[in-house]
Amino acid sequence: EGMGDALKRTGMTAPAALGLMVFTLLYVPCAATVAAIRREASTKWMWFQIIYSTVLAWILAFIVYQVGMAIMG
């Protein structure tokens, strides 16, 4: 069974799967990293990092999805 078959079974398109992969690679890191940022910088910078990385991940995943859908036609 190939990737295409797995995507068809779940109802997910290839651009959606790629966008999901981009998002999960870029969003908030593990809790230990967040705790280290809080300890070494401050709570303000911890929240900035959480919000910044989540927003950046969403924007890039959105772009990947939109470009993928445009290419697929």
PDB file of N, CA and C in Angstrom:
ATOM      1  N   GLU A   1       0.847  -1.181   0.000  1.00  0.00           N
ATOM      2  CA  GLU A   1       0.000   0.000   0.000  1.00  0.00           C
ATOM      3  C   GLU A   1       0.889   1.239   0.000  1.00  0.00           C
ATOM      4  N   GLY A   2       0.636   2.118  -0.934  1.00  0.00           N
ATOM      5  CA  GLY A   2       1.450   3.319  -1.056  1.00  0.00           C
ATOM      6  C   GLY A   2       0.856   4.497  -0.316  1.00  0.00           C
ATOM      7  N   MET A   3       1.582   5.602  -0.366  1.00  0.00           N
ATOM      8  CA  MET A   3       1.133   6.825   0.293  1.00  0.00           C
ATOM      9  C   MET A   3      -0.172   7.322  -0.302  1.00  0.00           C
ATOM     10  N   GLY A   4      -0.307   7.216  -1.610  1.00  0.00           N
ATOM     11  CA  GLY A   4      -1.537   7.660  -2.268  1.00  0.00           C
ATOM     12  C   GLY A   4      -2.757   6.910  -1.764  1.00  0.00           C
ATOM     13  N   ASP A   5      -2.603   5.600  -1.558  1.00  0.00           N
ATOM     14  CA  ASP A   5      -3.716   4.795  -1.040  1.00  0.00           C
ATOM     15  C   ASP A   5      -4.076   5.211   0.387  1.00  0.00           C
ATOM     16  N   ALA A   6      -3.077   5.478   1.193  1.00  0.00           N
ATOM     17  CA  ALA A   6      -3.326   5.892   2.572  1.00  0.00           C
ATOM     18  C   ALA A   6      -4.030   7.245   2.612  1.00  0.00           C
ATOM     19  N   LEU A   7      -3.625   8.166   1.735  1.00  0.00           N
ATOM     20  CA  LEU A   7      -4.269   9.477   1.685  1.00  0.00           C
ATOM     21  C   LEU A   7      -5.714   9.351   1.226  1.00  0.00           C
ATOM     22  N   LYS A   8      -5.966   8.508   0.243  1.00  0.00           N
ATOM     23  CA  LYS A   8      -7.335   8.320  -0.238  1.00  0.00           C
ATOM     24  C   LYS A   8      -8.222   7.740   0.863  1.00  0.00           C
ATOM     25  N   ARG A   9      -7.684   6.818   1.627  1.00  0.00           N
ATOM     26  CA  ARG A   9      -8.459   6.180   2.697  1.00  0.00           C
ATOM     27  C   ARG A   9      -8.846   7.186   3.778  1.00  0.00           C
ATOM     28  N   THR A  10      -7.976   8.145   4.069  1.00  0.00           N
ATOM     29  CA  THR A  10      -8.274   9.139   5.097  1.00  0.00           C
ATOM     30  C   THR A  10      -9.038  10.332   4.539  1.00  0.00           C
ATOM     31  N   GLY A  11      -9.076  10.474   3.224  1.00  0.00           N
ATOM     32  CA  GLY A  11      -9.752  11.609   2.608  1.00  0.00           C
ATOM     33  C   GLY A  11      -8.888  12.860   2.575  1.00  0.00           C
ATOM     34  N   MET A  12      -7.608  12.733   2.883  1.00  0.00           N
ATOM     35  CA  MET A  12      -6.705  13.886   2.907  1.00  0.00           C
ATOM     36  C   MET A  12      -6.000  14.011   1.562  1.00  0.00           C
ATOM     37  N   THR A  13      -5.916  15.243   1.068  1.00  0.00           N
ATOM     38  CA  THR A  13      -5.208  15.480  -0.186  1.00  0.00           C
ATOM     39  C   THR A  13      -3.709  15.573   0.087  1.00  0.00           C
ATOM     40  N   ALA A  14      -2.919  15.428  -0.952  1.00  0.00           N
ATOM     41  CA  ALA A  14      -1.466  15.530  -0.808  1.00  0.00           C
ATOM     42  C   ALA A  14      -1.037  16.914  -0.293  1.00  0.00           C
ATOM     43  N   PRO A  15      -1.601  18.018  -0.815  1.00  0.00           N
ATOM     44  CA  PRO A  15      -1.222  19.331  -0.272  1.00  0.00           C
ATOM     45  C   PRO A  15      -1.584  19.488   1.205  1.00  0.00           C
ATOM     46  N   ALA A  16      -2.716  18.919   1.616  1.00  0.00           N
ATOM     47  CA  ALA A  16      -3.107  18.997   3.022  1.00  0.00           C
ATOM     48  C   ALA A  16      -2.129  18.213   3.888  1.00  0.00           C
ATOM     49  N   ALA A  17      -1.715  17.044   3.423  1.00  0.00           N
ATOM     50  CA  ALA A  17      -0.760  16.234   4.184  1.00  0.00           C
ATOM     51  C   ALA A  17       0.588  16.943   4.284  1.00  0.00           C
ATOM     52  N   LEU A  18       1.031  17.542   3.198  1.00  0.00           N
ATOM     53  CA  LEU A  18       2.299  18.270   3.212  1.00  0.00           C
ATOM     54  C   LEU A  18       2.213  19.495   4.127  1.00  0.00           C
ATOM     55  N   GLY A  19       1.088  20.208   4.070  1.00  0.00           N
ATOM     56  CA  GLY A  19       0.888  21.355   4.956  1.00  0.00           C
ATOM     57  C   GLY A  19       0.903  20.941   6.414  1.00  0.00           C
ATOM     58  N   LEU A  20       0.283  19.801   6.725  1.00  0.00           N
ATOM     59  CA  LEU A  20       0.294  19.289   8.093  1.00  0.00           C
ATOM     60  C   LEU A  20       1.718  18.951   8.539  1.00  0.00           C
ATOM     61  N   MET A  21       2.492  18.362   7.662  1.00  0.00           N
ATOM     62  CA  MET A  21       3.884  18.041   8.005  1.00  0.00           C
ATOM     63  C   MET A  21       4.690  19.307   8.261  1.00  0.00           C
ATOM     64  N   VAL A  22       4.501  20.335   7.422  1.00  0.00           N
ATOM     65  CA  VAL A  22       5.211  21.607   7.622  1.00  0.00           C
ATOM     66  C   VAL A  22       4.827  22.208   8.969  1.00  0.00           C
ATOM     67  N   PHE A  23       3.526  22.204   9.281  1.00  0.00           N
ATOM     68  CA  PHE A  23       3.067  22.776  10.547  1.00  0.00           C
ATOM     69  C   PHE A  23       3.681  22.057  11.742  1.00  0.00           C
ATOM     70  N   THR A  24       3.654  20.721  11.726  1.00  0.00           N
ATOM     71  CA  THR A  24       4.162  19.979  12.882  1.00  0.00           C
ATOM     72  C   THR A  24       5.671  20.095  13.035  1.00  0.00           C
ATOM     73  N   LEU A  25       6.370  20.361  11.946  1.00  0.00           N
ATOM     74  CA  LEU A  25       7.816  20.547  12.049  1.00  0.00           C
ATOM     75  C   LEU A  25       8.189  21.909  12.632  1.00  0.00           C
ATOM     76  N   LEU A  26       7.291  22.896  12.513  1.00  0.00           N
ATOM     77  CA  LEU A  26       7.646  24.267  12.884  1.00  0.00           C
ATOM     78  C   LEU A  26       6.962  24.798  14.135  1.00  0.00           C
ATOM     79  N   TYR A  27       5.901  24.182  14.614  1.00  0.00           N
ATOM     80  CA  TYR A  27       5.190  24.768  15.738  1.00  0.00           C
ATOM     81  C   TYR A  27       5.954  24.588  17.046  1.00  0.00           C
ATOM     82  N   VAL A  28       5.328  24.855  18.176  1.00  0.00           N
ATOM     83  CA  VAL A  28       5.971  24.912  19.483  1.00  0.00           C
ATOM     84  C   VAL A  28       6.837  23.678  19.741  1.00  0.00           C
ATOM     85  N   PRO A  29       8.067  23.907  20.169  1.00  0.00           N
ATOM     86  CA  PRO A  29       8.950  22.777  20.476  1.00  0.00           C
ATOM     87  C   PRO A  29       8.504  22.061  21.754  1.00  0.00           C
ATOM     88  N   CYS A  30       9.263  21.100  22.177  1.00  0.00           N
ATOM     89  CA  CYS A  30       8.905  20.304  23.346  1.00  0.00           C
ATOM     90  C   CYS A  30       8.832  21.164  24.613  1.00  0.00           C
ATOM     91  N   ALA A  31       8.173  20.642  25.614  1.00  0.00           N
ATOM     92  CA  ALA A  31       7.965  21.367  26.870  1.00  0.00           C
ATOM     93  C   ALA A  31       9.293  21.710  27.546  1.00  0.00           C
ATOM     94  N   ALA A  32      10.281  20.857  27.409  1.00  0.00           N
ATOM     95  CA  ALA A  32      11.580  21.130  28.021  1.00  0.00           C
ATOM     96  C   ALA A  32      12.234  22.368  27.410  1.00  0.00           C
ATOM     97  N   THR A  33      12.084  22.544  26.116  1.00  0.00           N
ATOM     98  CA  THR A  33      12.627  23.730  25.456  1.00  0.00           C
ATOM     99  C   THR A  33      11.904  24.982  25.912  1.00  0.00           C
ATOM    100  N   VAL A  34      10.579  24.898  26.006  1.00  0.00           N
ATOM    101  CA  VAL A  34       9.791  26.039  26.467  1.00  0.00           C
ATOM    102  C   VAL A  34      10.183  26.397  27.898  1.00  0.00           C
ATOM    103  N   ALA A  35      10.358  25.392  28.750  1.00  0.00           N
ATOM    104  CA  ALA A  35      10.766  25.636  30.141  1.00  0.00           C
ATOM    105  C   ALA A  35      12.154  26.264  30.201  1.00  0.00           C
ATOM    106  N   ALA A  36      13.059  25.823  29.332  1.00  0.00           N
ATOM    107  CA  ALA A  36      14.410  26.399  29.318  1.00  0.00           C
ATOM    108  C   ALA A  36      14.373  27.861  28.882  1.00  0.00           C
ATOM    109  N   ILE A  37      13.534  28.183  27.912  1.00  0.00           N
ATOM    110  CA  ILE A  37      13.398  29.578  27.485  1.00  0.00           C
ATOM    111  C   ILE A  37      12.867  30.417  28.639  1.00  0.00           C
ATOM    112  N   ARG A  38      11.874  29.890  29.354  1.00  0.00           N
ATOM    113  CA  ARG A  38      11.308  30.628  30.494  1.00  0.00           C
ATOM    114  C   ARG A  38      12.353  30.859  31.576  1.00  0.00           C
ATOM    115  N   ARG A  39      13.149  29.821  31.848  1.00  0.00           N
ATOM    116  CA  ARG A  39      14.155  29.925  32.907  1.00  0.00           C
ATOM    117  C   ARG A  39      15.299  30.857  32.513  1.00  0.00           C
ATOM    118  N   GLU A  40      15.744  30.778  31.261  1.00  0.00           N
ATOM    119  CA  GLU A  40      16.916  31.544  30.847  1.00  0.00           C
ATOM    120  C   GLU A  40      16.592  32.953  30.365  1.00  0.00           C
ATOM    121  N   ALA A  41      15.369  33.166  29.875  1.00  0.00           N
ATOM    122  CA  ALA A  41      15.005  34.501  29.394  1.00  0.00           C
ATOM    123  C   ALA A  41      13.959  35.086  30.340  1.00  0.00           C
ATOM    124  N   SER A  42      12.697  34.845  30.049  1.00  0.00           N
ATOM    125  CA  SER A  42      11.607  35.300  30.912  1.00  0.00           C
ATOM    126  C   SER A  42      10.311  34.693  30.411  1.00  0.00           C
ATOM    127  N   THR A  43       9.265  34.858  31.205  1.00  0.00           N
ATOM    128  CA  THR A  43       7.959  34.358  30.811  1.00  0.00           C
ATOM    129  C   THR A  43       7.461  35.079  29.561  1.00  0.00           C
ATOM    130  N   LYS A  44       7.770  36.363  29.458  1.00  0.00           N
ATOM    131  CA  LYS A  44       7.359  37.140  28.288  1.00  0.00           C
ATOM    132  C   LYS A  44       7.967  36.553  27.010  1.00  0.00           C
ATOM    133  N   TRP A  45       9.258  36.248  27.049  1.00  0.00           N
ATOM    134  CA  TRP A  45       9.917  35.686  25.864  1.00  0.00           C
ATOM    135  C   TRP A  45       9.435  34.277  25.578  1.00  0.00           C
ATOM    136  N   MET A  46       9.082  33.520  26.614  1.00  0.00           N
ATOM    137  CA  MET A  46       8.535  32.183  26.418  1.00  0.00           C
ATOM    138  C   MET A  46       7.228  32.271  25.628  1.00  0.00           C
ATOM    139  N   TRP A  47       6.322  33.163  26.050  1.00  0.00           N
ATOM    140  CA  TRP A  47       5.054  33.318  25.355  1.00  0.00           C
ATOM    141  C   TRP A  47       5.265  33.862  23.944  1.00  0.00           C
ATOM    142  N   PHE A  48       6.217  34.773  23.793  1.00  0.00           N
ATOM    143  CA  PHE A  48       6.528  35.285  22.454  1.00  0.00           C
ATOM    144  C   PHE A  48       6.951  34.146  21.538  1.00  0.00           C
ATOM    145  N   GLN A  49       7.815  33.281  22.021  1.00  0.00           N
ATOM    146  CA  GLN A  49       8.304  32.161  21.216  1.00  0.00           C
ATOM    147  C   GLN A  49       7.176  31.204  20.871  1.00  0.00           C
ATOM    148  N   ILE A  50       6.300  30.917  21.820  1.00  0.00           N
ATOM    149  CA  ILE A  50       5.177  30.011  21.568  1.00  0.00           C
ATOM    150  C   ILE A  50       4.260  30.596  20.491  1.00  0.00           C
ATOM    151  N   ILE A  51       3.894  31.852  20.660  1.00  0.00           N
ATOM    152  CA  ILE A  51       2.982  32.492  19.699  1.00  0.00           C
ATOM    153  C   ILE A  51       3.652  32.661  18.340  1.00  0.00           C
ATOM    154  N   TYR A  52       4.893  33.133  18.335  1.00  0.00           N
ATOM    155  CA  TYR A  52       5.616  33.361  17.081  1.00  0.00           C
ATOM    156  C   TYR A  52       5.767  32.064  16.288  1.00  0.00           C
ATOM    157  N   SER A  53       6.203  30.998  16.937  1.00  0.00           N
ATOM    158  CA  SER A  53       6.438  29.758  16.192  1.00  0.00           C
ATOM    159  C   SER A  53       5.129  29.146  15.703  1.00  0.00           C
ATOM    160  N   THR A  54       4.054  29.275  16.475  1.00  0.00           N
ATOM    161  CA  THR A  54       2.771  28.741  16.038  1.00  0.00           C
ATOM    162  C   THR A  54       2.221  29.530  14.852  1.00  0.00           C
ATOM    163  N   VAL A  55       2.300  30.852  14.918  1.00  0.00           N
ATOM    164  CA  VAL A  55       1.816  31.689  13.810  1.00  0.00           C
ATOM    165  C   VAL A  55       2.663  31.454  12.556  1.00  0.00           C
ATOM    166  N   LEU A  56       3.973  31.402  12.724  1.00  0.00           N
ATOM    167  CA  LEU A  56       4.850  31.139  11.582  1.00  0.00           C
ATOM    168  C   LEU A  56       4.549  29.786  10.960  1.00  0.00           C
ATOM    169  N   ALA A  57       4.350  28.761  11.792  1.00  0.00           N
ATOM    170  CA  ALA A  57       4.026  27.428  11.283  1.00  0.00           C
ATOM    171  C   ALA A  57       2.716  27.443  10.513  1.00  0.00           C
ATOM    172  N   TRP A  58       1.707  28.142  11.030  1.00  0.00           N
ATOM    173  CA  TRP A  58       0.412  28.205  10.358  1.00  0.00           C
ATOM    174  C   TRP A  58       0.536  28.908   9.012  1.00  0.00           C
ATOM    175  N   ILE A  59       1.237  30.029   8.981  1.00  0.00           N
ATOM    176  CA  ILE A  59       1.386  30.788   7.734  1.00  0.00           C
ATOM    177  C   ILE A  59       2.099  29.953   6.675  1.00  0.00           C
ATOM    178  N   LEU A  60       3.186  29.308   7.047  1.00  0.00           N
ATOM    179  CA  LEU A  60       3.934  28.508   6.067  1.00  0.00           C
ATOM    180  C   LEU A  60       3.142  27.282   5.622  1.00  0.00           C
ATOM    181  N   ALA A  61       2.411  26.655   6.543  1.00  0.00           N
ATOM    182  CA  ALA A  61       1.573  25.513   6.164  1.00  0.00           C
ATOM    183  C   ALA A  61       0.465  25.964   5.218  1.00  0.00           C
ATOM    184  N   PHE A  62      -0.098  27.133   5.462  1.00  0.00           N
ATOM    185  CA  PHE A  62      -1.139  27.688   4.592  1.00  0.00           C
ATOM    186  C   PHE A  62      -0.586  27.936   3.191  1.00  0.00           C
ATOM    187  N   ILE A  63       0.606  28.507   3.121  1.00  0.00           N
ATOM    188  CA  ILE A  63       1.237  28.776   1.821  1.00  0.00           C
ATOM    189  C   ILE A  63       1.516  27.473   1.091  1.00  0.00           C
ATOM    190  N   VAL A  64       2.059  26.492   1.781  1.00  0.00           N
ATOM    191  CA  VAL A  64       2.343  25.184   1.163  1.00  0.00           C
ATOM    192  C   VAL A  64       1.054  24.557   0.636  1.00  0.00           C
ATOM    193  N   TYR A  65       0.002  24.625   1.428  1.00  0.00           N
ATOM    194  CA  TYR A  65      -1.285  24.052   1.004  1.00  0.00           C
ATOM    195  C   TYR A  65      -1.830  24.777  -0.228  1.00  0.00           C
ATOM    196  N   GLN A  66      -1.824  26.095  -0.203  1.00  0.00           N
ATOM    197  CA  GLN A  66      -2.365  26.870  -1.324  1.00  0.00           C
ATOM    198  C   GLN A  66      -1.563  26.634  -2.610  1.00  0.00           C
ATOM    199  N   VAL A  67      -0.255  26.615  -2.515  1.00  0.00           N
ATOM    200  CA  VAL A  67       0.586  26.354  -3.685  1.00  0.00           C
ATOM    201  C   VAL A  67       0.341  24.934  -4.191  1.00  0.00           C
ATOM    202  N   GLY A  68       0.255  23.988  -3.287  1.00  0.00           N
ATOM    203  CA  GLY A  68      -0.017  22.599  -3.680  1.00  0.00           C
ATOM    204  C   GLY A  68      -1.355  22.451  -4.382  1.00  0.00           C
ATOM    205  N   MET A  69      -2.377  23.132  -3.881  1.00  0.00           N
ATOM    206  CA  MET A  69      -3.689  23.062  -4.525  1.00  0.00           C
ATOM    207  C   MET A  69      -3.661  23.726  -5.898  1.00  0.00           C
ATOM    208  N   ALA A  70      -2.904  24.820  -6.033  1.00  0.00           N
ATOM    209  CA  ALA A  70      -2.794  25.499  -7.328  1.00  0.00           C
ATOM    210  C   ALA A  70      -2.073  24.614  -8.344  1.00  0.00           C
ATOM    211  N   ILE A  71      -1.062  23.903  -7.901  1.00  0.00           N
ATOM    212  CA  ILE A  71      -0.310  23.035  -8.804  1.00  0.00           C
ATOM    213  C   ILE A  71      -1.171  21.846  -9.238  1.00  0.00           C
ATOM    214  N   MET A  72      -1.943  21.301  -8.282  1.00  0.00           N
ATOM    215  CA  MET A  72      -2.781  20.140  -8.608  1.00  0.00           C
ATOM    216  C   MET A  72      -3.946  20.501  -9.520  1.00  0.00           C
ATOM    217  N   GLY A  73      -4.260  21.793  -9.558  1.00  0.00           N
ATOM    218  CA  GLY A  73      -5.294  22.235 -10.495  1.00  0.00           C
ATOM    219  C   GLY A  73      -6.611  22.302  -9.860  1.00  0.00           C
TER     220      GLY A  73
END
